[in-house]
Each structure stands twice: as C-alpha cells, then as structure tokens.
Protein backbone atom coordinates (compact mmCIF):
# COMPACT_ATOMS: atom_id res chain seq x y z
CA MET A 1 0.00 0.00 0.00
CA LYS A 2 1.00 3.60 -0.58
CA LEU A 3 0.06 6.71 1.36
CA ASP A 4 -2.54 8.83 -0.37
CA ASP A 5 -1.07 12.11 -1.65
CA SER A 6 -3.21 14.11 0.78
CA ALA A 7 -2.10 11.96 3.72
CA GLU A 8 1.52 12.33 2.66
CA GLN A 9 1.04 16.10 2.59
CA ILE A 10 -0.37 16.06 6.12
CA VAL A 11 2.58 14.05 7.43
CA LYS A 12 5.00 16.48 5.80
CA LEU A 13 3.15 19.45 7.33
CA ILE A 14 3.40 17.88 10.79
CA ILE A 15 7.13 17.23 10.41
CA ASP A 16 7.84 20.68 8.97
CA SER A 17 5.88 22.37 11.77
CA GLY A 18 8.25 20.93 14.36
CA ARG A 19 5.29 19.76 16.43
CA PRO A 20 6.63 17.95 19.52
CA PRO A 21 5.62 14.31 20.10
CA MET A 22 2.35 14.02 22.03
CA ALA A 23 3.97 11.94 24.75
CA THR A 24 6.32 14.82 25.65
CA LEU A 25 3.48 17.27 26.37
CA THR A 26 1.20 17.93 29.29
CA ALA A 27 -2.51 17.40 28.72
CA ASN A 28 -3.15 21.15 28.47
CA GLU A 29 -0.26 21.64 26.04
CA ALA A 30 -1.53 18.78 23.89
CA ARG A 31 -5.04 20.26 23.86
CA GLU A 32 -3.72 23.57 22.59
CA VAL A 33 -1.63 21.89 19.90
CA TYR A 34 -4.65 19.88 18.75
CA ARG A 35 -6.93 22.93 18.66
CA ASN A 36 -4.41 24.81 16.51
CA SER A 37 -3.97 21.80 14.23
CA SER A 38 -7.73 21.44 13.78
CA LYS A 39 -8.05 25.09 12.81
CA ALA A 40 -5.25 24.76 10.27
CA LEU A 41 -6.43 21.51 8.68
CA GLY A 42 -10.21 21.60 9.02
CA GLY A 43 -11.12 23.68 5.98
CA GLU A 44 -13.97 26.12 5.51
CA LYS A 45 -16.76 26.20 8.07
CA PRO A 46 -20.09 25.53 6.33
CA GLU A 47 -23.14 27.52 7.33
CA VAL A 48 -25.95 25.61 9.02
CA ALA A 49 -29.53 26.64 9.70
CA GLU A 50 -28.87 27.02 13.42
CA THR A 51 -26.33 26.15 16.09
CA PHE A 52 -26.22 26.84 19.81
CA ASP A 53 -24.68 25.50 23.02
CA LEU A 54 -26.68 24.27 25.98
CA ARG A 55 -26.41 22.13 29.08
CA LEU A 56 -28.60 19.13 29.72
CA GLU A 57 -29.14 17.54 33.11
CA THR A 58 -27.99 13.93 33.16
CA SER A 59 -28.90 13.37 36.80
CA SER A 60 -30.12 15.37 39.76
CA THR A 61 -26.57 16.55 40.46
CA THR A 62 -24.76 16.65 37.11
CA SER A 63 -25.15 18.08 33.62
CA VAL A 64 -23.22 17.89 30.38
CA GLY A 65 -22.48 20.52 27.75
CA LEU A 66 -23.89 20.03 24.25
CA ARG A 67 -23.69 21.83 20.93
CA LEU A 68 -26.76 21.46 18.73
CA TYR A 69 -26.67 21.91 14.96
CA ARG A 70 -29.70 22.14 12.69
CA GLY A 71 -28.89 21.32 9.09
CA LYS A 72 -30.04 23.32 6.11
CA GLN A 73 -33.23 22.26 4.32
CA LEU A 74 -34.58 20.49 7.37
CA ASN A 75 -38.31 20.04 7.79
CA GLU A 76 -39.14 22.33 10.67
CA GLU A 77 -42.70 21.05 10.83
CA ALA A 78 -41.69 17.62 12.19
CA PRO A 79 -39.29 16.19 14.77
CA GLN A 80 -35.84 15.78 13.26
CA PRO A 81 -33.61 12.74 12.91
CA ALA A 82 -30.56 13.21 15.13
CA ILE A 83 -26.96 12.11 15.42
CA VAL A 84 -25.37 12.25 18.87
CA PHE A 85 -21.68 12.89 18.18
CA PHE A 86 -18.63 12.21 20.37
CA HIS A 87 -15.36 13.88 19.36
CA GLY A 88 -12.04 12.10 19.12
CA GLY A 89 -8.82 12.98 20.89
CA GLY A 90 -7.85 9.99 23.02
CA TRP A 91 -10.28 10.98 25.82
CA VAL A 92 -7.68 13.66 26.73
CA ILE A 93 -7.76 16.28 23.96
CA GLY A 94 -10.38 17.52 21.53
CA ASP A 95 -13.55 19.49 22.22
CA LEU A 96 -16.63 20.97 20.57
CA GLU A 97 -14.47 23.35 18.53
CA THR A 98 -12.03 20.78 17.11
CA HIS A 99 -14.93 18.83 15.57
CA ASP A 100 -17.22 21.72 14.72
CA ILE A 101 -16.70 21.48 10.95
CA PRO A 102 -17.52 17.77 10.49
CA CYS A 103 -20.56 18.18 12.73
CA ARG A 104 -21.77 21.01 10.50
CA HIS A 105 -21.29 18.86 7.40
CA LEU A 106 -23.17 15.98 9.02
CA ALA A 107 -26.08 18.24 9.97
CA ASN A 108 -26.36 19.69 6.47
CA LYS A 109 -26.03 16.39 4.66
CA THR A 110 -28.65 14.68 6.84
CA SER A 111 -30.90 17.77 6.78
CA GLY A 112 -31.40 17.01 10.44
CA THR A 113 -29.91 17.64 13.87
CA VAL A 114 -26.45 16.82 15.20
CA ILE A 115 -25.83 17.05 18.93
CA ALA A 116 -22.15 17.08 19.93
CA VAL A 117 -21.36 16.04 23.51
CA ASP A 118 -18.76 17.88 25.58
CA TYR A 119 -17.82 14.92 27.79
CA ARG A 120 -15.27 15.21 30.59
CA LEU A 121 -11.61 14.64 29.71
CA ALA A 122 -8.76 12.75 31.37
CA PRO A 123 -6.52 12.94 33.31
CA GLU A 124 -8.68 15.28 35.36
CA HIS A 125 -11.55 12.84 34.90
CA PRO A 126 -10.21 9.33 34.19
CA PHE A 127 -12.19 6.26 33.12
CA PRO A 128 -15.09 5.70 33.32
CA ALA A 129 -16.00 9.42 33.35
CA ALA A 130 -16.12 9.89 29.56
CA ALA A 131 -18.05 6.64 29.07
CA ASN A 132 -20.51 7.54 31.81
CA ASP A 133 -21.01 11.03 30.36
CA ALA A 134 -21.59 9.63 26.87
CA ILE A 135 -24.15 7.10 28.11
CA SER A 136 -25.95 9.55 30.39
CA ALA A 137 -25.98 12.31 27.78
CA THR A 138 -27.47 10.05 25.12
CA LYS A 139 -30.16 8.80 27.48
CA SER A 140 -31.00 12.38 28.48
CA ILE A 141 -31.07 13.54 24.85
CA ILE A 142 -33.56 10.80 23.94
CA ALA A 143 -35.64 11.54 27.04
CA SER A 144 -35.63 15.25 26.10
CA ALA A 145 -36.43 14.60 22.44
CA GLU A 146 -39.57 16.75 22.37
CA LYS A 147 -37.77 19.67 24.00
CA LEU A 148 -34.88 19.36 21.54
CA GLY A 149 -37.14 18.98 18.50
CA ILE A 150 -35.84 15.54 17.57
CA ASP A 151 -37.48 12.20 16.87
CA PRO A 152 -36.54 9.71 19.64
CA ASN A 153 -37.04 6.86 17.17
CA ARG A 154 -34.45 8.25 14.74
CA VAL A 155 -31.37 8.81 16.91
CA ALA A 156 -27.94 7.53 15.84
CA VAL A 157 -24.61 7.75 17.67
CA ALA A 158 -21.33 8.63 16.00
CA GLY A 159 -17.72 9.48 16.74
CA ASP A 160 -14.13 9.26 15.55
CA SER A 161 -11.29 7.45 17.32
CA ALA A 162 -11.97 7.85 21.08
CA GLY A 163 -15.36 9.20 20.05
CA GLY A 164 -15.95 6.04 18.04
CA ASN A 165 -15.11 4.09 21.17
CA LEU A 166 -17.70 6.08 23.13
CA ALA A 167 -20.34 5.66 20.43
CA ALA A 168 -19.79 1.89 20.48
CA VAL A 169 -19.99 1.88 24.29
CA VAL A 170 -23.24 3.85 24.19
CA ALA A 171 -24.73 1.40 21.69
CA LEU A 172 -23.87 -1.47 24.04
CA ALA A 173 -25.20 0.34 27.11
CA LEU A 174 -28.51 1.34 25.52
CA ARG A 175 -29.20 -2.06 23.93
CA ASP A 176 -31.16 -3.34 26.93
CA CYS A 177 -32.59 -0.02 28.14
CA ASP A 178 -36.26 0.90 28.06
CA LEU A 179 -35.64 3.43 25.29
CA PRO A 180 -36.25 3.43 21.53
CA ASP A 181 -33.60 1.48 19.63
CA LEU A 182 -30.76 3.51 18.22
CA ARG A 183 -31.00 4.01 14.47
CA ALA A 184 -27.31 3.32 13.83
CA GLN A 185 -23.78 3.55 15.21
CA LEU A 186 -21.27 5.36 13.02
CA LEU A 187 -17.70 4.55 14.05
CA VAL A 188 -14.77 6.28 12.37
CA TYR A 189 -11.45 4.46 13.00
CA PRO A 190 -12.70 3.51 16.47
CA ALA A 191 -10.54 2.49 19.41
CA THR A 192 -12.08 -0.78 20.61
CA ASP A 193 -9.45 -2.68 22.58
CA PHE A 194 -6.99 -1.39 25.17
CA ALA A 195 -4.94 -4.59 24.99
CA ASN A 196 -2.84 -3.00 22.20
CA THR A 197 -1.89 -6.46 20.90
CA HIS A 198 -3.14 -5.98 17.34
CA SER A 199 -0.44 -6.16 14.68
CA SER A 200 -1.28 -2.79 13.10
CA VAL A 201 -0.21 -1.05 16.32
CA GLU A 202 3.33 -2.31 15.76
CA SER A 203 3.25 -2.05 11.95
CA PHE A 204 2.41 1.66 12.14
CA ALA A 205 4.02 2.44 15.49
CA GLU A 206 5.77 5.53 14.06
CA GLN A 207 3.09 6.60 11.56
CA LEU A 208 2.09 10.21 12.16
CA PRO A 209 -0.13 11.64 13.46
CA LEU A 210 -0.99 8.74 15.83
CA THR A 211 2.07 6.82 16.99
CA LYS A 212 2.26 3.97 19.47
CA SER A 213 3.87 6.27 22.04
CA SER A 214 0.92 8.67 21.78
CA ILE A 215 -1.54 5.76 22.07
CA ASP A 216 0.23 4.69 25.27
CA TRP A 217 0.17 8.31 26.50
CA PHE A 218 -3.59 8.57 25.93
CA ALA A 219 -4.20 5.22 27.62
CA SER A 220 -2.12 6.13 30.67
CA HIS A 221 -4.19 9.27 31.14
CA TYR A 222 -7.63 7.80 30.51
CA VAL A 223 -7.33 4.27 31.96
CA PRO A 224 -4.34 4.36 34.33
CA ASP A 225 -5.58 1.21 36.09
CA VAL A 226 -4.65 -1.53 33.60
CA THR A 227 -7.16 -3.94 35.18
CA SER A 228 -9.89 -1.72 33.71
CA HIS A 229 -8.64 -2.45 30.18
CA GLN A 230 -10.87 -5.55 30.26
CA ASP A 231 -13.99 -3.50 31.07
CA TRP A 232 -16.28 -3.31 28.01
CA ARG A 233 -16.82 0.41 28.70
CA ALA A 234 -13.12 0.85 27.86
CA SER A 235 -12.77 -2.00 25.36
CA PRO A 236 -16.11 -2.63 23.63
CA LEU A 237 -14.51 -5.42 21.60
CA LEU A 238 -14.32 -7.40 24.86
CA ALA A 239 -18.05 -7.21 25.60
CA THR A 240 -19.42 -10.70 26.18
CA ASP A 241 -22.24 -10.28 23.65
CA HIS A 242 -22.56 -8.06 20.58
CA ALA A 243 -25.92 -9.41 19.41
CA GLY A 244 -28.87 -7.06 19.05
CA LEU A 245 -26.79 -3.93 18.53
CA PRO A 246 -27.87 -1.22 16.08
CA PRO A 247 -26.62 -1.29 12.47
CA ALA A 248 -22.95 -0.28 12.36
CA PHE A 249 -20.90 1.74 9.90
CA ILE A 250 -17.16 1.33 10.55
CA MET A 251 -14.44 3.23 8.71
CA THR A 252 -10.81 2.13 8.91
CA ALA A 253 -7.63 3.54 7.36
CA GLY A 254 -4.76 1.56 5.86
CA PHE A 255 -1.96 3.48 7.64
CA ASP A 256 -3.64 3.64 11.04
CA PRO A 257 -2.34 1.75 14.10
CA LEU A 258 -6.01 1.27 15.10
CA GLN A 259 -6.87 -0.42 11.80
CA ASP A 260 -6.88 -3.98 13.16
CA GLU A 261 -9.04 -3.29 16.20
CA GLY A 262 -11.56 -1.49 14.00
CA GLN A 263 -11.61 -4.54 11.73
CA ALA A 264 -11.89 -6.83 14.75
CA TYR A 265 -14.92 -4.93 15.99
CA LEU A 266 -16.50 -5.11 12.55
CA ASP A 267 -15.95 -8.88 12.54
CA ALA A 268 -17.40 -9.25 16.06
CA LEU A 269 -20.55 -7.40 15.06
CA LYS A 270 -20.90 -9.37 11.83
CA ASN A 271 -20.50 -12.65 13.71
CA ALA A 272 -23.22 -11.52 16.12
CA GLY A 273 -25.63 -10.90 13.25
CA VAL A 274 -25.44 -7.11 13.29
CA HIS A 275 -25.92 -5.34 9.94
CA THR A 276 -22.59 -3.67 9.09
CA LYS A 277 -20.97 -1.53 6.43
CA HIS A 278 -17.20 -1.14 6.13
CA LEU A 279 -15.46 1.79 4.47
CA PHE A 280 -11.75 1.05 4.10
CA LEU A 281 -9.45 3.81 2.83
CA PRO A 282 -6.15 2.01 2.17
CA GLY A 283 -4.01 5.13 1.68
CA GLN A 284 -5.29 7.16 4.60
CA ILE A 285 -4.05 7.94 8.10
CA HIS A 286 -5.65 8.30 11.49
CA GLY A 287 -7.23 11.72 11.89
CA CYS A 288 -8.21 12.25 8.25
CA PHE A 289 -11.87 12.74 9.24
CA THR A 290 -11.13 16.19 10.68
CA MET A 291 -8.65 17.27 7.98
CA GLY A 292 -11.16 18.34 5.33
CA GLY A 293 -9.12 21.36 4.29
CA PHE A 294 -6.44 19.04 2.90
CA VAL A 295 -7.98 15.56 2.72
CA PRO A 296 -10.88 15.10 0.27
CA ALA A 297 -11.58 11.71 1.87
CA SER A 298 -12.98 13.58 4.88
CA LEU A 299 -16.16 14.38 2.97
CA GLU A 300 -16.18 10.89 1.46
CA ILE A 301 -16.40 9.50 5.00
CA ILE A 302 -19.21 11.89 5.92
CA ASP A 303 -21.14 11.05 2.75
CA ALA A 304 -20.81 7.34 3.50
CA MET A 305 -21.98 7.85 7.09
CA VAL A 306 -25.05 9.75 5.92
CA ALA A 307 -25.85 7.16 3.25
CA PHE A 308 -25.67 4.42 5.89
CA VAL A 309 -27.98 6.29 8.27
CA ASN A 310 -30.50 6.79 5.49
CA GLU A 311 -30.21 3.14 4.45
CA SER A 312 -30.78 2.02 8.05
CA ALA A 313 -33.83 4.28 8.32
CA ASP A 314 -35.29 2.87 5.11
CA GLU A 315 -34.80 -0.69 6.32
CA GLY A 316 -36.41 0.19 9.64
CA ASN A 317 -39.48 1.54 7.89
CA GLN A 318 -40.02 -1.62 5.86
C-alpha cells in the first residue's frame, strides 16, 4: 500500500511544523496543539440553519455541555432525525471546537440535527468518566427529544477514534434499556481494545499523526488502572455479547495503528448478526476525518456515514 497524496502532505506538514511528540506534552499543552492543528487543517466552516450551546441535566446533580446543529433544508414542521456525536482525541484532547466542521457537514447532509457532547476529559476525569457522560448524555437527549425537537425513534450515535469508542460503548449500554432502539452507530477508526496487541499497532508504530507512544500516553491518562482495560466500557470489543446492537458503519484507514481493532470490531458485530458496512481507505491515516481542508476523503467518509444512516432508516421503515 501507498500513502494517499493528501495523507503524505499532512505528514509532511506535521514534520515541517516541528510539532513535539504528544507523549512529551502535558494534557493542556496537547489540547492547545490539537486545537491549533484542527483550525489549520479543518477547511472552511459551512453555514448551518442554526447552532447553539446548551447544558442538559444527566442526573439530579450533574449536567453535560452540548452543541446542537440544525442542518439546512430540514423540515421544521416535524421532529428531526438526530446524530449524537462524540469527538475524538484519546479521551484527553479535543472538544466541541475541534470537531465543529464535520458536525456542520453531518447536519447539512442529513438535513437534520447533530448534537455534539462535551464529555469530561482525562486525566482530570479518568475512566469511566467519559463513558458515563456519553451514556448519560445520550439517554437524556432521547428523554428530552420533544424539548430538543428531535425524533426519539431516529437517533444515531457517532464518533471518531476515542469518540468512536464512546459511540460503540453507548450502543452497548442502551441495547437493553427501556428506550427506543438507536437508528445506527457510526464509528470512524474507532478504538475498541486497550490490549494493544493488534499487529497494526506495531506495523504503524511511528506513523504520524498517531504513533504507538501517543496511544500509550492517551491510555495512561484515561485508563491508568490496567485492570480496567478488560472492562467493556473501555474495550467494547471485549463485551461478552454483541448481538442485538444497532446497524454499524465502521471506517478504517490503511496506515492507522487502530486499523486492526476497528476490523476486529467489525468482525465481532458481523458474527453476532449485526448489519454492518465497512469503508476502508487504504491510503489514509488516522485523523483524516477532521482534515477536510487538505484531505478530500474527509467528505467521502461523511457522505458514506449519511448514506448508511438513510439506508438504516429505510430498512427500519419496511
């Protein structure tokens, strides 16, 4: 395989910028570096019909920040389909701003609503804080569907990397709840297994922008207790049962150390009888989803996600 020209350009930009290795930074330094990188690589910000931030109570004592996007050409006369989105960043970096552009594209292309979740980050809030926030936020969003103007029967979950992990965890957690079934789970190069024993981790250990040292750095911040690596809320691949989960779209990249665990999760869902769709981009790198200013494949991923959501909705209406 050969790196796509756009991916090669990104790698060169990272090297030329002199960006220090993630593992040498503090969490706050890494967050700033990632915010700046997202601004530089994300591309133009598309206009949407409406966007605003809010907080939603997830229990009697806690709340979580959300950013709601209404896509253009939506039908304002009826409750909207919705995607609950969890940003990537290794559960340590990333925020509502770093993933603002792809969320806008998703809202416009679905002509619906996207709700991005501002979950708590490690190391200030280690595992299972992010997982708990993601689960609680999704439950609260569905319970508040009328208030938010969304259809509780047409809610999907989505995310990239660590966000893909959280979306998969939410799908598992909500499977047996007394709530409407999720419409789909949209997982972009998801982290699914903290064991780090998959061969792609070693094959692409030095492949920018996500190296093995940075994976270890993220893991040490989010799940410092290695005994928790076996918990399905950290490693959804290790859940005892994947049957009955919502239809799953999984995207993997050929030069991504997480490629094998994404493929392994796809296989686990298939073997459990879950309807799946796999988008494999052989020449791409981890992070390409948020690099739309330089990587045309970013919109290809979004288009495929939207097509899968629509396909799942059509099948559900049959």
